[in-house]
């Protein structure tokens, strides 16, 4: 089981969602992300290795493997994915 670490921007993205069903679904997906057995919709970001994206409804969780953890960089709406990818380190 990998740990899931939120970058500062991802934590801010999560706070901006506010309470509601989207927040609940995203938090559940983040808990399952560290589970090796989880069957999630994860795909690599084309042209942006080693970044991956997890689809949760209309939301995308952008992350990459880090030392013994998964680093979540952004939690964004699907319409903002391409713009967010350009800002990844």
Protein backbone atom coordinates (compact mmCIF):
# COMPACT_ATOMS: atom_id res chain seq x y z
CA UNK A 1 0.00 0.00 0.00
CA UNK A 2 1.45 3.35 -1.08
CA UNK A 3 0.98 6.55 0.85
CA UNK A 4 -0.82 9.35 -0.93
CA UNK A 5 0.67 12.81 -0.43
CA UNK A 6 -1.11 15.99 -1.49
CA UNK A 7 0.94 18.83 -2.91
CA UNK A 8 0.02 22.33 -1.74
CA UNK A 9 -1.93 23.04 -4.93
CA UNK A 10 -3.83 19.74 -4.66
CA UNK A 11 -4.81 20.51 -1.06
CA UNK A 12 -6.01 23.94 -2.19
CA UNK A 13 -7.97 22.35 -5.06
CA UNK A 14 -9.61 19.98 -2.59
CA UNK A 15 -10.60 22.82 -0.24
CA UNK A 16 -12.12 24.79 -3.13
CA UNK A 17 -14.55 21.97 -3.89
CA UNK A 18 -16.44 22.53 -0.65
CA UNK A 19 -18.78 19.98 0.87
CA UNK A 20 -20.87 17.85 -1.44
CA UNK A 21 -21.01 14.59 -3.37
CA UNK A 22 -18.01 15.45 -5.59
CA UNK A 23 -15.80 15.96 -2.55
CA UNK A 24 -16.96 12.64 -1.08
CA UNK A 25 -16.22 10.78 -4.32
CA UNK A 26 -12.78 12.37 -4.68
CA UNK A 27 -11.84 11.63 -1.06
CA UNK A 28 -12.92 8.01 -1.54
CA UNK A 29 -10.83 7.78 -4.73
CA UNK A 30 -7.79 9.22 -2.92
CA UNK A 31 -8.17 6.57 -0.20
CA UNK A 32 -8.40 3.83 -2.84
CA UNK A 33 -5.47 5.23 -4.83
CA UNK A 34 -2.95 3.93 -2.31
CA UNK A 35 -4.51 0.46 -2.38
CA UNK A 36 -2.73 -1.92 -4.75
CA UNK A 37 -5.94 -3.88 -5.28
CA UNK A 38 -8.04 -0.90 -6.36
CA UNK A 39 -9.53 -0.94 -9.85
CA UNK A 40 -9.47 2.70 -10.83
CA UNK A 41 -9.56 4.54 -14.16
CA UNK A 42 -5.86 5.49 -14.27
CA UNK A 43 -4.07 6.43 -17.49
CA UNK A 44 -0.75 8.09 -18.27
CA UNK A 45 -0.85 11.71 -19.42
CA UNK A 46 0.24 11.70 -23.04
CA UNK A 47 3.58 13.46 -23.46
CA UNK A 48 3.88 14.18 -19.74
CA UNK A 49 5.64 11.15 -18.27
CA UNK A 50 5.73 10.19 -15.37
CA UNK A 51 2.40 11.91 -14.66
CA UNK A 52 -0.78 9.86 -14.44
CA UNK A 53 -4.42 10.86 -14.18
CA UNK A 54 -7.24 9.30 -12.24
CA UNK A 55 -10.75 10.00 -13.53
CA UNK A 56 -13.47 10.57 -10.92
CA UNK A 57 -16.60 11.67 -12.79
CA UNK A 58 -15.88 15.09 -14.29
CA UNK A 59 -12.83 15.55 -12.06
CA UNK A 60 -9.22 14.50 -12.65
CA UNK A 61 -6.59 13.70 -10.05
CA UNK A 62 -3.12 14.27 -11.52
CA UNK A 63 -0.37 12.36 -9.71
CA UNK A 64 2.96 10.60 -10.10
CA UNK A 65 4.91 7.96 -8.21
CA UNK A 66 7.44 9.38 -5.76
CA UNK A 67 9.74 7.76 -3.23
CA UNK A 68 7.50 5.19 -1.47
CA UNK A 69 4.44 7.38 -2.06
CA UNK A 70 2.15 8.81 -4.69
CA UNK A 71 2.34 12.58 -5.06
CA UNK A 72 -0.97 14.21 -6.05
CA UNK A 73 -0.20 17.48 -7.84
CA UNK A 74 -3.69 18.70 -8.83
CA UNK A 75 -7.38 17.90 -8.44
CA UNK A 76 -9.13 19.67 -11.28
CA UNK A 77 -12.21 19.69 -13.47
CA UNK A 78 -11.74 17.89 -16.78
CA UNK A 79 -12.09 21.14 -18.73
CA UNK A 80 -8.94 22.48 -17.03
CA UNK A 81 -6.75 19.39 -17.53
CA UNK A 82 -4.66 20.61 -20.47
CA UNK A 83 -3.92 23.94 -18.82
CA UNK A 84 -2.91 22.22 -15.58
CA UNK A 85 -0.65 19.74 -17.39
CA UNK A 86 1.37 22.65 -18.80
CA UNK A 87 2.13 23.84 -15.25
CA UNK A 88 3.41 20.50 -13.92
CA UNK A 89 7.03 20.25 -12.90
